[in-house]
Amino acid sequence: MNSLETYYEKVRQQLDEVFTTQHEALQLSATWVGESLASGHWIYAFGTGHSHMLAEEVFYRAGGLARAVPILDTPLMLHERAIEATYVERREGYASTLLDLYPVEKGDLLIIASNSGRNAVPIEMAIEGRRRGLRVVALTNFEHANAWPSRHSSGKRLAEAADLAIDNCGVMGDACIQMEGLPGLIGPTSTVTGAFIVNALLVQGIEESMKRGVTPEIFISSNSDGDDHNHRLLDHYKSRIRHL
């Protein structure tokens, strides 16, 4: 196999492993999503570094929930001063201040993604979210997280700080392909598996909400016939969602 084929096989195997080994955790998390939606609450998502893409995955897109909000912070992302983000995500006390910017309430659900699961900000976000009455679901790499110590003073890793953790079934260091002549592995997988996990929770969560008699509001593609539908939702929620 060439590298393209090898990468496809690695990703496919990890997705299969997520679906089979994490099925119970996926279902329970989705049930919690449904319960939050059915009771009029919100879904929040957070990640640092490349994991911030999984927070964006829940937000303002075709087929996505109207009541889903990413927690986004420029110093923790990569589009400006990417090097600085590596150190900011290790800073204790940062997550609590960041969460203050969002109107989270008891009964909301918070998804936190961190492949390593060891840095202070995601761990603190989980601890603080639970303290405020949110259910917290972690997406992390169990193999990697268990091999390295926490960078938070509690000694906890993200999986231990959350109500429930889902393993993305990745390998140590995320990248999965050895190529001769390179000093390390290539082909990271956590974004692919993470996007599947996030969307799996949402689609099943929507079904769970509908089982409870509540049809969640969703966006329709604005590149088809969704403009009027979406504008009604945006007018309704733009005062509540800081990123609209």
C-alpha atoms as a PDB file:
ATOM      1  CA  MET A   1       0.000   0.000   0.000  1.00  0.00           C
ATOM      2  CA  ASN A   2       1.111   3.549  -0.622  1.00  0.00           C
ATOM      3  CA  SER A   3       0.756   6.244   2.035  1.00  0.00           C
ATOM      4  CA  LEU A   4      -2.686   7.365   0.863  1.00  0.00           C
ATOM      5  CA  GLU A   5      -4.017   3.826   1.176  1.00  0.00           C
ATOM      6  CA  THR A   6      -2.276   3.285   4.500  1.00  0.00           C
ATOM      7  CA  TYR A   7      -3.764   6.469   5.933  1.00  0.00           C
ATOM      8  CA  TYR A   8      -7.243   5.496   4.737  1.00  0.00           C
ATOM      9  CA  GLU A   9      -6.911   2.103   6.429  1.00  0.00           C
ATOM     10  CA  LYS A  10      -5.655   3.635   9.689  1.00  0.00           C
ATOM     11  CA  VAL A  11      -8.521   6.132   9.803  1.00  0.00           C
ATOM     12  CA  ARG A  12     -11.102   3.492   8.883  1.00  0.00           C
ATOM     13  CA  GLN A  13      -9.789   1.162  11.584  1.00  0.00           C
ATOM     14  CA  GLN A  14      -9.936   3.899  14.199  1.00  0.00           C
ATOM     15  CA  LEU A  15     -13.479   4.871  13.214  1.00  0.00           C
ATOM     16  CA  ASP A  16     -14.535   1.225  13.419  1.00  0.00           C
ATOM     17  CA  GLU A  17     -12.884   0.958  16.833  1.00  0.00           C
ATOM     18  CA  VAL A  18     -14.617   4.117  18.060  1.00  0.00           C
ATOM     19  CA  PHE A  19     -18.001   2.817  16.934  1.00  0.00           C
ATOM     20  CA  THR A  20     -17.562  -0.618  18.506  1.00  0.00           C
ATOM     21  CA  THR A  21     -15.632   0.103  21.715  1.00  0.00           C
ATOM     22  CA  GLN A  22     -17.195   3.493  22.519  1.00  0.00           C
ATOM     23  CA  HIS A  23     -20.762   2.712  21.488  1.00  0.00           C
ATOM     24  CA  GLU A  24     -22.142   2.731  25.030  1.00  0.00           C
ATOM     25  CA  ALA A  25     -20.462   6.047  25.867  1.00  0.00           C
ATOM     26  CA  LEU A  26     -21.628   7.538  22.570  1.00  0.00           C
ATOM     27  CA  GLN A  27     -25.209   6.492  23.227  1.00  0.00           C
ATOM     28  CA  LEU A  28     -25.229   7.803  26.795  1.00  0.00           C
ATOM     29  CA  SER A  29     -23.684  11.105  25.750  1.00  0.00           C
ATOM     30  CA  ALA A  30     -26.243  11.457  22.968  1.00  0.00           C
ATOM     31  CA  THR A  31     -29.017  10.756  25.463  1.00  0.00           C
ATOM     32  CA  TRP A  32     -27.687  13.626  27.569  1.00  0.00           C
ATOM     33  CA  VAL A  33     -27.650  15.858  24.474  1.00  0.00           C
ATOM     34  CA  GLY A  34     -31.283  14.930  23.852  1.00  0.00           C
ATOM     35  CA  GLU A  35     -32.254  15.601  27.447  1.00  0.00           C
ATOM     36  CA  SER A  36     -30.630  19.040  27.359  1.00  0.00           C
ATOM     37  CA  LEU A  37     -32.339  19.962  24.106  1.00  0.00           C
ATOM     38  CA  ALA A  38     -35.721  18.629  25.188  1.00  0.00           C
ATOM     39  CA  SER A  39     -35.583  20.692  28.374  1.00  0.00           C
ATOM     40  CA  GLY A  40     -34.737  23.930  26.548  1.00  0.00           C
ATOM     41  CA  HIS A  41     -31.026  23.947  27.326  1.00  0.00           C
ATOM     42  CA  TRP A  42     -27.942  24.417  25.180  1.00  0.00           C
ATOM     43  CA  ILE A  43     -25.010  22.448  23.809  1.00  0.00           C
ATOM     44  CA  TYR A  44     -21.556  24.001  24.168  1.00  0.00           C
ATOM     45  CA  ALA A  45     -18.253  22.773  22.725  1.00  0.00           C
ATOM     46  CA  PHE A  46     -14.653  23.653  23.498  1.00  0.00           C
ATOM     47  CA  GLY A  47     -11.162  22.700  22.421  1.00  0.00           C
ATOM     48  CA  THR A  48      -7.716  24.250  22.261  1.00  0.00           C
ATOM     49  CA  GLY A  49      -5.187  24.147  19.436  1.00  0.00           C
ATOM     50  CA  HIS A  50      -6.401  21.966  16.579  1.00  0.00           C
ATOM     51  CA  SER A  51      -9.182  20.653  18.810  1.00  0.00           C
ATOM     52  CA  HIS A  52     -10.905  24.039  18.524  1.00  0.00           C
ATOM     53  CA  MET A  53     -12.052  22.816  15.090  1.00  0.00           C
ATOM     54  CA  LEU A  54     -14.308  20.317  16.847  1.00  0.00           C
ATOM     55  CA  ALA A  55     -15.921  23.186  18.754  1.00  0.00           C
ATOM     56  CA  GLU A  56     -16.529  24.969  15.456  1.00  0.00           C
ATOM     57  CA  GLU A  57     -17.985  21.753  14.049  1.00  0.00           C
ATOM     58  CA  VAL A  58     -21.149  22.169  16.145  1.00  0.00           C
ATOM     59  CA  PHE A  59     -21.761  25.759  15.071  1.00  0.00           C
ATOM     60  CA  TYR A  60     -23.818  27.496  12.383  1.00  0.00           C
ATOM     61  CA  ARG A  61     -23.731  24.897   9.654  1.00  0.00           C
ATOM     62  CA  ALA A  62     -26.156  22.997   7.443  1.00  0.00           C
ATOM     63  CA  GLY A  63     -27.789  20.231   9.417  1.00  0.00           C
ATOM     64  CA  GLY A  64     -26.452  21.601  12.684  1.00  0.00           C
ATOM     65  CA  LEU A  65     -28.251  22.688  15.827  1.00  0.00           C
ATOM     66  CA  ALA A  66     -29.310  26.280  16.348  1.00  0.00           C
ATOM     67  CA  ARG A  67     -28.795  25.868  20.101  1.00  0.00           C
ATOM     68  CA  ALA A  68     -25.159  24.761  19.822  1.00  0.00           C
ATOM     69  CA  VAL A  69     -22.425  27.235  20.741  1.00  0.00           C
ATOM     70  CA  PRO A  70     -18.629  26.986  20.427  1.00  0.00           C
ATOM     71  CA  ILE A  71     -16.429  28.436  23.152  1.00  0.00           C
ATOM     72  CA  LEU A  72     -13.773  30.170  21.048  1.00  0.00           C
ATOM     73  CA  ASP A  73     -10.836  32.219  22.243  1.00  0.00           C
ATOM     74  CA  THR A  74      -8.187  33.616  19.901  1.00  0.00           C
ATOM     75  CA  PRO A  75      -5.163  33.001  22.183  1.00  0.00           C
ATOM     76  CA  LEU A  76      -6.112  29.304  22.340  1.00  0.00           C
ATOM     77  CA  MET A  77      -6.525  28.953  18.564  1.00  0.00           C
ATOM     78  CA  LEU A  78      -3.969  28.875  15.754  1.00  0.00           C
ATOM     79  CA  HIS A  79      -4.867  31.661  13.323  1.00  0.00           C
ATOM     80  CA  GLU A  80      -2.919  34.260  15.310  1.00  0.00           C
ATOM     81  CA  ARG A  81       0.272  33.594  17.310  1.00  0.00           C
ATOM     82  CA  ALA A  82       0.025  29.822  17.094  1.00  0.00           C
ATOM     83  CA  ILE A  83       3.167  29.318  19.190  1.00  0.00           C
ATOM     84  CA  GLU A  84       1.643  31.279  22.068  1.00  0.00           C
ATOM     85  CA  ALA A  85      -1.406  28.984  22.114  1.00  0.00           C
ATOM     86  CA  THR A  86       0.793  26.078  23.204  1.00  0.00           C
ATOM     87  CA  TYR A  87       1.621  27.901  26.421  1.00  0.00           C
ATOM     88  CA  VAL A  88      -1.745  29.559  27.046  1.00  0.00           C
ATOM     89  CA  GLU A  89      -3.481  26.174  27.148  1.00  0.00           C
ATOM     90  CA  ARG A  90      -1.241  25.208  30.075  1.00  0.00           C
ATOM     91  CA  ARG A  91      -2.278  28.231  32.159  1.00  0.00           C
ATOM     92  CA  GLU A  92      -4.426  27.571  35.222  1.00  0.00           C
ATOM     93  CA  GLY A  93      -7.184  30.057  35.976  1.00  0.00           C
ATOM     94  CA  TYR A  94      -7.793  30.795  32.294  1.00  0.00           C
ATOM     95  CA  ALA A  95     -10.786  28.528  31.696  1.00  0.00           C
ATOM     96  CA  SER A  96     -12.941  29.948  34.461  1.00  0.00           C
ATOM     97  CA  THR A  97     -12.573  33.489  33.122  1.00  0.00           C
ATOM     98  CA  LEU A  98     -13.322  32.289  29.597  1.00  0.00           C
ATOM     99  CA  LEU A  99     -16.451  30.422  30.655  1.00  0.00           C
ATOM    100  CA  ASP A 100     -17.735  33.604  32.322  1.00  0.00           C
ATOM    101  CA  LEU A 101     -18.188  35.058  28.822  1.00  0.00           C
ATOM    102  CA  TYR A 102     -20.911  32.521  27.992  1.00  0.00           C
ATOM    103  CA  PRO A 103     -24.389  32.326  29.595  1.00  0.00           C
ATOM    104  CA  VAL A 104     -24.057  28.675  30.583  1.00  0.00           C
ATOM    105  CA  GLU A 105     -26.688  27.274  32.935  1.00  0.00           C
ATOM    106  CA  LYS A 106     -27.351  24.142  34.917  1.00  0.00           C
ATOM    107  CA  GLY A 107     -28.774  21.589  32.497  1.00  0.00           C
ATOM    108  CA  ASP A 108     -26.597  22.595  29.542  1.00  0.00           C
ATOM    109  CA  LEU A 109     -24.111  20.091  28.097  1.00  0.00           C
ATOM    110  CA  LEU A 110     -20.459  20.826  27.376  1.00  0.00           C
ATOM    111  CA  ILE A 111     -18.310  18.806  24.955  1.00  0.00           C
ATOM    112  CA  ILE A 112     -14.553  19.260  25.481  1.00  0.00           C
ATOM    113  CA  ALA A 113     -12.020  17.936  22.988  1.00  0.00           C
ATOM    114  CA  SER A 114      -8.335  17.424  23.793  1.00  0.00           C
ATOM    115  CA  ASN A 115      -6.293  14.693  22.160  1.00  0.00           C
ATOM    116  CA  SER A 116      -3.621  14.695  24.872  1.00  0.00           C
ATOM    117  CA  GLY A 117      -6.044  15.344  27.720  1.00  0.00           C
ATOM    118  CA  ARG A 118      -3.228  16.713  29.891  1.00  0.00           C
ATOM    119  CA  ASN A 119      -3.224  20.492  29.554  1.00  0.00           C
ATOM    120  CA  ALA A 120      -4.624  22.758  32.263  1.00  0.00           C
ATOM    121  CA  VAL A 121      -7.218  24.758  30.316  1.00  0.00           C
ATOM    122  CA  PRO A 122      -9.347  21.855  28.995  1.00  0.00           C
ATOM    123  CA  ILE A 123      -9.112  20.089  32.364  1.00  0.00           C
ATOM    124  CA  GLU A 124     -10.090  23.227  34.240  1.00  0.00           C
ATOM    125  CA  MET A 125     -12.932  23.840  31.764  1.00  0.00           C
ATOM    126  CA  ALA A 126     -14.323  20.408  32.622  1.00  0.00           C
ATOM    127  CA  ILE A 127     -13.981  20.977  36.361  1.00  0.00           C
ATOM    128  CA  GLU A 128     -15.528  24.437  36.175  1.00  0.00           C
ATOM    129  CA  GLY A 129     -18.304  23.316  33.833  1.00  0.00           C
ATOM    130  CA  ARG A 130     -19.349  20.571  36.228  1.00  0.00           C
ATOM    131  CA  ARG A 131     -19.173  23.005  39.150  1.00  0.00           C
ATOM    132  CA  ARG A 132     -21.693  25.201  37.324  1.00  0.00           C
ATOM    133  CA  GLY A 133     -24.075  22.302  36.757  1.00  0.00           C
ATOM    134  CA  LEU A 134     -23.227  21.344  33.180  1.00  0.00           C
ATOM    135  CA  ARG A 135     -22.834  17.755  32.093  1.00  0.00           C
ATOM    136  CA  VAL A 136     -19.354  17.435  30.613  1.00  0.00           C
ATOM    137  CA  VAL A 137     -18.374  14.962  27.891  1.00  0.00           C
ATOM    138  CA  ALA A 138     -14.675  14.621  27.050  1.00  0.00           C
ATOM    139  CA  LEU A 139     -13.245  13.559  23.686  1.00  0.00           C
ATOM    140  CA  THR A 140      -9.679  12.411  24.153  1.00  0.00           C
ATOM    141  CA  ASN A 141      -7.019   9.856  23.237  1.00  0.00           C
ATOM    142  CA  PHE A 142      -6.845   7.344  26.081  1.00  0.00           C
ATOM    143  CA  GLU A 143      -3.546   5.794  24.940  1.00  0.00           C
ATOM    144  CA  HIS A 144      -1.759   9.123  24.799  1.00  0.00           C
ATOM    145  CA  ALA A 145      -3.367  10.630  27.903  1.00  0.00           C
ATOM    146  CA  ASN A 146      -2.559   7.622  30.073  1.00  0.00           C
ATOM    147  CA  ALA A 147       1.102   7.754  29.090  1.00  0.00           C
ATOM    148  CA  TRP A 148       1.752  11.315  30.271  1.00  0.00           C
ATOM    149  CA  PRO A 149       1.150  13.215  33.529  1.00  0.00           C
ATOM    150  CA  SER A 150      -1.430  15.954  33.901  1.00  0.00           C
ATOM    151  CA  ARG A 151      -0.365  19.583  33.620  1.00  0.00           C
ATOM    152  CA  HIS A 152      -3.110  20.621  36.053  1.00  0.00           C
ATOM    153  CA  SER A 153      -2.529  20.971  39.777  1.00  0.00           C
ATOM    154  CA  SER A 154      -5.403  18.566  40.513  1.00  0.00           C
ATOM    155  CA  GLY A 155      -3.376  15.778  38.914  1.00  0.00           C
ATOM    156  CA  LYS A 156      -6.408  14.868  36.799  1.00  0.00           C
ATOM    157  CA  ARG A 157      -6.431  14.296  33.088  1.00  0.00           C
ATOM    158  CA  LEU A 158      -9.416  15.464  31.028  1.00  0.00           C
ATOM    159  CA  ALA A 159     -11.101  12.047  31.074  1.00  0.00           C
ATOM    160  CA  GLU A 160     -10.975  12.048  34.868  1.00  0.00           C
ATOM    161  CA  ALA A 161     -12.327  15.598  35.152  1.00  0.00           C
ATOM    162  CA  ALA A 162     -15.400  15.000  32.943  1.00  0.00           C
ATOM    163  CA  ASP A 163     -18.671  13.215  33.679  1.00  0.00           C
ATOM    164  CA  LEU A 164     -18.028  10.870  30.753  1.00  0.00           C
ATOM    165  CA  ALA A 165     -15.087  10.343  28.394  1.00  0.00           C
ATOM    166  CA  ILE A 166     -15.046   9.032  24.834  1.00  0.00           C
ATOM    167  CA  ASP A 167     -11.823   7.570  23.426  1.00  0.00           C
ATOM    168  CA  ASN A 168     -10.969   8.668  19.886  1.00  0.00           C
ATOM    169  CA  CYS A 169      -8.951   5.431  19.654  1.00  0.00           C
ATOM    170  CA  GLY A 170      -5.906   7.233  18.333  1.00  0.00           C
ATOM    171  CA  VAL A 171      -2.272   6.290  18.774  1.00  0.00           C
ATOM    172  CA  MET A 172       0.432   7.967  20.824  1.00  0.00           C
ATOM    173  CA  GLY A 173       1.137  11.409  19.409  1.00  0.00           C
ATOM    174  CA  ASP A 174      -1.911  11.335  17.081  1.00  0.00           C
ATOM    175  CA  ALA A 175       0.023  10.855  13.812  1.00  0.00           C
ATOM    176  CA  CYS A 176      -0.020   7.275  12.559  1.00  0.00           C
ATOM    177  CA  ILE A 177       2.267   6.690   9.542  1.00  0.00           C
ATOM    178  CA  GLN A 178       5.996   5.989   9.573  1.00  0.00           C
ATOM    179  CA  MET A 179       7.810   7.176   6.454  1.00  0.00           C
ATOM    180  CA  GLU A 180      11.474   6.547   5.862  1.00  0.00           C
ATOM    181  CA  GLY A 181      13.575   9.679   5.978  1.00  0.00           C
ATOM    182  CA  LEU A 182      11.281  11.594   8.346  1.00  0.00           C
ATOM    183  CA  PRO A 183      12.115  12.175  12.018  1.00  0.00           C
ATOM    184  CA  GLY A 184       8.572  11.410  13.215  1.00  0.00           C
ATOM    185  CA  LEU A 185       5.189  10.047  12.238  1.00  0.00           C
ATOM    186  CA  ILE A 186       2.766  11.799   9.867  1.00  0.00           C
ATOM    187  CA  GLY A 187      -0.974  11.579   9.261  1.00  0.00           C
ATOM    188  CA  PRO A 188      -2.842  12.794  12.382  1.00  0.00           C
ATOM    189  CA  THR A 189      -6.282  11.274  12.899  1.00  0.00           C
ATOM    190  CA  SER A 190      -7.936  13.029  15.847  1.00  0.00           C
ATOM    191  CA  THR A 191      -9.727  15.638  13.717  1.00  0.00           C
ATOM    192  CA  VAL A 192     -11.342  12.966  11.539  1.00  0.00           C
ATOM    193  CA  THR A 193     -12.439  10.761  14.420  1.00  0.00           C
ATOM    194  CA  GLY A 194     -13.344  13.765  16.537  1.00  0.00           C
ATOM    195  CA  ALA A 195     -15.642  15.216  13.877  1.00  0.00           C
ATOM    196  CA  PHE A 196     -17.378  11.853  13.594  1.00  0.00           C
ATOM    197  CA  ILE A 197     -17.852  11.635  17.357  1.00  0.00           C
ATOM    198  CA  VAL A 198     -19.209  15.180  17.662  1.00  0.00           C
ATOM    199  CA  ASN A 199     -21.669  14.771  14.811  1.00  0.00           C
ATOM    200  CA  ALA A 200     -22.702  11.308  15.999  1.00  0.00           C
ATOM    201  CA  LEU A 201     -23.602  12.802  19.377  1.00  0.00           C
ATOM    202  CA  LEU A 202     -25.615  15.552  17.717  1.00  0.00           C
ATOM    203  CA  VAL A 203     -27.586  13.432  15.268  1.00  0.00           C
ATOM    204  CA  GLN A 204     -28.445  10.836  17.902  1.00  0.00           C
ATOM    205  CA  GLY A 205     -29.078  13.628  20.397  1.00  0.00           C
ATOM    206  CA  ILE A 206     -31.608  15.175  18.019  1.00  0.00           C
ATOM    207  CA  GLU A 207     -33.344  11.801  17.755  1.00  0.00           C
ATOM    208  CA  GLU A 208     -33.366  11.489  21.547  1.00  0.00           C
ATOM    209  CA  SER A 209     -34.918  14.944  21.879  1.00  0.00           C
ATOM    210  CA  MET A 210     -37.616  14.087  19.348  1.00  0.00           C
ATOM    211  CA  LYS A 211     -38.424  10.902  21.280  1.00  0.00           C
ATOM    212  CA  ARG A 212     -39.200  13.246  24.165  1.00  0.00           C
ATOM    213  CA  GLY A 213     -41.588  15.273  22.026  1.00  0.00           C
ATOM    214  CA  VAL A 214     -39.281  18.213  21.262  1.00  0.00           C
ATOM    215  CA  THR A 215     -38.049  18.915  17.724  1.00  0.00           C
ATOM    216  CA  PRO A 216     -34.766  20.848  17.922  1.00  0.00           C
ATOM    217  CA  GLU A 217     -34.171  23.800  15.626  1.00  0.00           C
ATOM    218  CA  ILE A 218     -31.587  23.161  12.924  1.00  0.00           C
ATOM    219  CA  PHE A 219     -29.937  25.188  10.203  1.00  0.00           C
ATOM    220  CA  ILE A 220     -30.514  24.405   6.522  1.00  0.00           C
ATOM    221  CA  SER A 221     -27.871  24.982   3.845  1.00  0.00           C
ATOM    222  CA  SER A 222     -27.798  28.660   2.917  1.00  0.00           C
ATOM    223  CA  ASN A 223     -26.502  27.563  -0.478  1.00  0.00           C
ATOM    224  CA  SER A 224     -29.808  25.872  -1.230  1.00  0.00           C
ATOM    225  CA  ASP A 225     -33.138  27.214   0.033  1.00  0.00           C
ATOM    226  CA  GLY A 226     -32.293  27.831   3.677  1.00  0.00           C
ATOM    227  CA  ASP A 227     -31.929  31.617   3.876  1.00  0.00           C
ATOM    228  CA  ASP A 228     -35.410  32.523   5.113  1.00  0.00           C
ATOM    229  CA  HIS A 229     -35.455  29.622   7.568  1.00  0.00           C
ATOM    230  CA  ASN A 230     -31.989  30.436   8.887  1.00  0.00           C
ATOM    231  CA  HIS A 231     -32.626  34.176   9.170  1.00  0.00           C
ATOM    232  CA  ARG A 232     -35.548  33.529  11.505  1.00  0.00           C
ATOM    233  CA  LEU A 233     -33.282  31.462  13.758  1.00  0.00           C
ATOM    234  CA  LEU A 234     -30.483  34.029  13.613  1.00  0.00           C
ATOM    235  CA  ASP A 235     -32.803  36.890  14.495  1.00  0.00           C
ATOM    236  CA  HIS A 236     -34.092  34.860  17.429  1.00  0.00           C
ATOM    237  CA  TYR A 237     -30.701  33.805  18.816  1.00  0.00           C
ATOM    238  CA  LYS A 238     -28.148  36.445  17.812  1.00  0.00           C
ATOM    239  CA  SER A 239     -28.492  38.271  21.123  1.00  0.00           C
ATOM    240  CA  ARG A 240     -27.703  35.039  22.976  1.00  0.00           C
ATOM    241  CA  ILE A 241     -24.843  33.629  20.867  1.00  0.00           C
ATOM    242  CA  ARG A 242     -21.754  35.838  20.971  1.00  0.00           C
ATOM    243  CA  HIS A 243     -20.235  34.492  17.740  1.00  0.00           C
ATOM    244  CA  LEU A 244     -23.171  35.263  15.426  1.00  0.00           C
END
